[in-house]
Amino acid sequence: MTTDYELRVKQLEEQGISTSDAQGIVDAEDLTIMNMTDIQIDDLAEEALNIACLTIQNTLKVNDGGYAGMFFSDNEVKEKFIQYIKDEINNKVDN
């Protein structure tokens, strides 16, 4: 079974990057992810929520995001995204 790490290295190698350079890139990416600050995690959660709302609005031809702003103002969904991001980071550390 191929690990996520091996798959990511292989993808870089297929782009012409040497194995050692590819491993260095993947290691650096993982280190960056594992050291995300609370502000970066909050920003990522906000971005995820905004993209989700925009996708819905575009599909439904909604021209104004005001209702989404009111609907999600309690931050309950954003907090779920934050927890999900933290769980995914912890899963990377454990693997």
C-alpha atoms as a PDB file:
ATOM      1  CA  MET A   1       0.000   0.000   0.000  1.00  0.00           C
ATOM      2  CA  THR A   2       1.360   3.398  -0.998  1.00  0.00           C
ATOM      3  CA  THR A   3       1.337   6.065   1.690  1.00  0.00           C
ATOM      4  CA  ASP A   4       0.228   9.641   1.111  1.00  0.00           C
ATOM      5  CA  TYR A   5       3.852  10.721   1.548  1.00  0.00           C
ATOM      6  CA  GLU A   6       5.088   8.289  -1.127  1.00  0.00           C
ATOM      7  CA  LEU A   7       2.329   9.329  -3.503  1.00  0.00           C
ATOM      8  CA  ARG A   8       3.169  13.015  -3.117  1.00  0.00           C
ATOM      9  CA  VAL A   9       6.884  12.327  -3.674  1.00  0.00           C
ATOM     10  CA  LYS A  10       6.070  10.264  -6.789  1.00  0.00           C
ATOM     11  CA  GLN A  11       3.901  13.061  -8.201  1.00  0.00           C
ATOM     12  CA  LEU A  12       6.795  15.496  -7.855  1.00  0.00           C
ATOM     13  CA  GLU A  13       9.217  13.008  -9.405  1.00  0.00           C
ATOM     14  CA  GLU A  14       6.877  12.704 -12.391  1.00  0.00           C
ATOM     15  CA  GLN A  15       7.326  16.456 -12.844  1.00  0.00           C
ATOM     16  CA  GLY A  16      11.066  15.928 -13.199  1.00  0.00           C
ATOM     17  CA  ILE A  17      12.083  16.668  -9.609  1.00  0.00           C
ATOM     18  CA  SER A  18      14.759  14.409  -8.103  1.00  0.00           C
ATOM     19  CA  THR A  19      13.734  12.016  -5.340  1.00  0.00           C
ATOM     20  CA  SER A  20      15.750  13.820  -2.665  1.00  0.00           C
ATOM     21  CA  ASP A  21      14.368  17.225  -3.708  1.00  0.00           C
ATOM     22  CA  ALA A  22      10.843  15.821  -3.854  1.00  0.00           C
ATOM     23  CA  GLN A  23      11.198  14.380  -0.360  1.00  0.00           C
ATOM     24  CA  GLY A  24      12.504  17.724   0.892  1.00  0.00           C
ATOM     25  CA  ILE A  25       9.529  19.557  -0.618  1.00  0.00           C
ATOM     26  CA  VAL A  26       7.014  17.136   0.914  1.00  0.00           C
ATOM     27  CA  ASP A  27       8.764  17.302   4.296  1.00  0.00           C
ATOM     28  CA  ALA A  28       8.674  21.120   4.198  1.00  0.00           C
ATOM     29  CA  GLU A  29       4.989  21.120   3.253  1.00  0.00           C
ATOM     30  CA  ASP A  30       4.182  18.757   6.114  1.00  0.00           C
ATOM     31  CA  LEU A  31       6.157  20.851   8.590  1.00  0.00           C
ATOM     32  CA  THR A  32       4.295  23.976   7.452  1.00  0.00           C
ATOM     33  CA  ILE A  33       0.955  22.237   7.918  1.00  0.00           C
ATOM     34  CA  MET A  34       1.823  20.866  11.356  1.00  0.00           C
ATOM     35  CA  ASN A  35       2.957  24.302  12.537  1.00  0.00           C
ATOM     36  CA  MET A  36      -0.109  26.258  11.436  1.00  0.00           C
ATOM     37  CA  THR A  37      -1.038  28.964  13.913  1.00  0.00           C
ATOM     38  CA  ASP A  38      -4.542  29.408  15.305  1.00  0.00           C
ATOM     39  CA  ILE A  39      -4.895  32.498  13.109  1.00  0.00           C
ATOM     40  CA  GLN A  40      -3.944  30.506   9.995  1.00  0.00           C
ATOM     41  CA  ILE A  41      -6.401  27.768  10.937  1.00  0.00           C
ATOM     42  CA  ASP A  42      -9.131  30.356  11.541  1.00  0.00           C
ATOM     43  CA  ASP A  43      -8.382  31.971   8.168  1.00  0.00           C
ATOM     44  CA  LEU A  44      -8.514  28.576   6.433  1.00  0.00           C
ATOM     45  CA  ALA A  45     -11.858  27.775   8.068  1.00  0.00           C
ATOM     46  CA  GLU A  46     -13.224  31.173   7.018  1.00  0.00           C
ATOM     47  CA  GLU A  47     -12.025  30.590   3.463  1.00  0.00           C
ATOM     48  CA  ALA A  48     -13.635  27.135   3.387  1.00  0.00           C
ATOM     49  CA  LEU A  49     -16.960  28.537   4.588  1.00  0.00           C
ATOM     50  CA  ASN A  50     -16.824  31.385   2.064  1.00  0.00           C
ATOM     51  CA  ILE A  51     -16.061  29.005  -0.801  1.00  0.00           C
ATOM     52  CA  ALA A  52     -18.904  26.709   0.238  1.00  0.00           C
ATOM     53  CA  CYS A  53     -21.347  29.630   0.362  1.00  0.00           C
ATOM     54  CA  LEU A  54     -20.113  31.030  -2.947  1.00  0.00           C
ATOM     55  CA  THR A  55     -20.563  27.649  -4.624  1.00  0.00           C
ATOM     56  CA  ILE A  56     -24.160  27.497  -3.421  1.00  0.00           C
ATOM     57  CA  GLN A  57     -24.806  31.125  -4.366  1.00  0.00           C
ATOM     58  CA  ASN A  58     -23.378  30.657  -7.860  1.00  0.00           C
ATOM     59  CA  THR A  59     -25.431  27.523  -8.461  1.00  0.00           C
ATOM     60  CA  LEU A  60     -28.624  29.219  -7.249  1.00  0.00           C
ATOM     61  CA  LYS A  61     -27.793  32.500  -9.051  1.00  0.00           C
ATOM     62  CA  VAL A  62     -27.779  34.454  -5.772  1.00  0.00           C
ATOM     63  CA  ASN A  63     -26.286  37.898  -6.351  1.00  0.00           C
ATOM     64  CA  ASP A  64     -25.907  38.985  -2.737  1.00  0.00           C
ATOM     65  CA  GLY A  65     -24.198  37.162   0.124  1.00  0.00           C
ATOM     66  CA  GLY A  66     -25.950  39.099   2.853  1.00  0.00           C
ATOM     67  CA  TYR A  67     -28.209  36.255   3.896  1.00  0.00           C
ATOM     68  CA  ALA A  68     -25.250  33.871   4.212  1.00  0.00           C
ATOM     69  CA  GLY A  69     -23.511  36.425   6.419  1.00  0.00           C
ATOM     70  CA  MET A  70     -26.515  36.548   8.730  1.00  0.00           C
ATOM     71  CA  PHE A  71     -27.144  32.793   8.573  1.00  0.00           C
ATOM     72  CA  PHE A  72     -23.595  31.885   9.588  1.00  0.00           C
ATOM     73  CA  SER A  73     -23.005  34.790  11.995  1.00  0.00           C
ATOM     74  CA  ASP A  74     -23.061  32.487  15.038  1.00  0.00           C
ATOM     75  CA  ASN A  75     -19.804  30.862  13.783  1.00  0.00           C
ATOM     76  CA  GLU A  76     -21.111  27.379  14.572  1.00  0.00           C
ATOM     77  CA  VAL A  77     -20.200  26.020  11.128  1.00  0.00           C
ATOM     78  CA  LYS A  78     -16.860  27.830  11.141  1.00  0.00           C
ATOM     79  CA  GLU A  79     -16.051  26.205  14.486  1.00  0.00           C
ATOM     80  CA  LYS A  80     -16.812  22.819  12.908  1.00  0.00           C
ATOM     81  CA  PHE A  81     -14.389  23.641  10.082  1.00  0.00           C
ATOM     82  CA  ILE A  82     -11.750  24.672  12.645  1.00  0.00           C
ATOM     83  CA  GLN A  83     -12.162  21.391  14.527  1.00  0.00           C
ATOM     84  CA  TYR A  84     -12.025  19.439  11.274  1.00  0.00           C
ATOM     85  CA  ILE A  85      -8.798  21.209  10.231  1.00  0.00           C
ATOM     86  CA  LYS A  86      -7.204  20.542  13.615  1.00  0.00           C
ATOM     87  CA  ASP A  87      -8.242  16.871  13.457  1.00  0.00           C
ATOM     88  CA  GLU A  88      -6.744  16.512   9.967  1.00  0.00           C
ATOM     89  CA  ILE A  89      -3.497  18.108  11.171  1.00  0.00           C
ATOM     90  CA  ASN A  90      -3.398  15.719  14.131  1.00  0.00           C
ATOM     91  CA  ASN A  91      -4.034  12.785  11.792  1.00  0.00           C
ATOM     92  CA  LYS A  92      -1.025  13.849   9.683  1.00  0.00           C
ATOM     93  CA  VAL A  93       1.154  13.997  12.791  1.00  0.00           C
ATOM     94  CA  ASP A  94       0.014  10.540  13.911  1.00  0.00           C
ATOM     95  CA  ASN A  95       0.705   8.936  10.501  1.00  0.00           C
END
